[in-house]
Amino acid sequence: MEILSLIIAVIALLIAVAAFMRTGGVLELKRQVQALSSTTDSVRDRTADALNRLEQLVRGKERPKTGEESEPPANADTR
């Protein structure tokens, strides 16, 4: 019975390899991965730009520092 299972598994493996080669094989797979990679890079760049704009909206425009420490508010306890 184990021999029959082994023969069926080997035949299934050969059919799978034949189907893989018929659909384009390794070259087609590499092309698809490369296309997906370029799409991912594009989406990553657009997401980073959107997050930068969102951060600027939330934080507002930062004021340039004058080099001096800002004074504490008048009602702050400075003990």
Protein backbone atom coordinates (compact mmCIF):
# COMPACT_ATOMS: atom_id res chain seq x y z
CA MET A 1 0.00 0.00 0.00
CA GLU A 2 2.89 2.36 0.78
CA ILE A 3 4.35 1.70 -2.67
CA LEU A 4 1.08 2.71 -4.33
CA SER A 5 0.99 5.93 -2.29
CA LEU A 6 4.58 6.71 -3.29
CA ILE A 7 3.83 6.12 -6.98
CA ILE A 8 0.76 8.39 -6.82
CA ALA A 9 2.79 11.11 -5.05
CA VAL A 10 5.55 10.96 -7.68
CA ILE A 11 3.02 11.14 -10.52
CA ALA A 12 1.34 14.15 -8.85
CA LEU A 13 4.74 15.82 -8.49
CA LEU A 14 5.51 15.29 -12.18
CA ILE A 15 2.13 16.72 -13.20
CA ALA A 16 2.72 19.76 -10.95
CA VAL A 17 6.17 20.37 -12.47
CA ALA A 18 4.75 20.08 -15.99
CA ALA A 19 1.97 22.56 -15.16
CA PHE A 20 4.48 24.99 -13.64
CA MET A 21 6.68 24.86 -16.74
CA ARG A 22 3.67 25.27 -19.02
CA THR A 23 2.53 28.45 -17.24
CA GLY A 24 5.90 30.15 -17.70
CA GLY A 25 8.20 28.55 -15.19
CA VAL A 26 10.81 30.42 -13.20
CA LEU A 27 11.20 33.32 -15.65
CA GLU A 28 7.52 34.21 -15.44
CA LEU A 29 7.64 33.94 -11.67
CA LYS A 30 10.65 36.29 -11.49
CA ARG A 31 8.87 38.79 -13.76
CA GLN A 32 5.80 38.78 -11.55
CA VAL A 33 7.87 39.26 -8.40
CA GLN A 34 9.73 42.17 -10.00
CA ALA A 35 6.45 43.83 -11.04
CA LEU A 36 5.08 43.36 -7.53
CA SER A 37 8.26 44.84 -6.05
CA SER A 38 8.02 48.00 -8.16
CA THR A 39 4.34 48.37 -7.24
CA THR A 40 5.19 47.95 -3.56
CA ASP A 41 7.91 50.62 -3.81
CA SER A 42 5.45 53.01 -5.42
CA VAL A 43 2.83 52.42 -2.73
CA ARG A 44 5.47 52.80 0.00
CA ASP A 45 6.58 56.16 -1.40
CA ARG A 46 3.01 57.46 -1.66
CA THR A 47 2.23 56.30 1.88
CA ALA A 48 5.34 58.04 3.22
CA ASP A 49 4.35 61.29 1.46
CA ALA A 50 0.82 61.08 2.85
CA LEU A 51 2.11 60.48 6.37
CA ASN A 52 4.48 63.45 6.10
CA ARG A 53 1.60 65.71 5.02
CA LEU A 54 -0.57 64.38 7.83
CA GLU A 55 2.20 65.02 10.35
CA GLN A 56 2.53 68.61 9.14
CA LEU A 57 -1.21 69.11 9.48
CA VAL A 58 -1.29 67.69 13.00
CA ARG A 59 1.81 69.43 14.31
CA GLY A 60 1.39 72.62 12.35
CA LYS A 61 4.27 74.61 11.02
CA GLU A 62 7.21 74.53 13.41
CA ARG A 63 8.59 77.90 14.35
CA PRO A 64 12.32 78.38 13.71
CA LYS A 65 14.34 78.44 16.93
CA THR A 66 16.14 81.67 17.78
CA GLY A 67 18.96 79.92 19.61
CA GLU A 68 17.73 81.01 23.04
CA GLU A 69 15.80 78.83 25.43
CA SER A 70 12.15 79.70 25.45
CA GLU A 71 11.00 81.39 28.62
CA PRO A 72 8.68 79.41 30.89
CA PRO A 73 5.11 80.65 31.14
CA ALA A 74 4.49 83.38 33.70
CA ASN A 75 2.23 81.20 35.83
CA ALA A 76 4.74 78.29 36.02
CA ASP A 77 6.25 77.48 39.41
CA THR A 78 10.06 77.84 39.11
CA ARG A 79 11.25 76.70 42.53
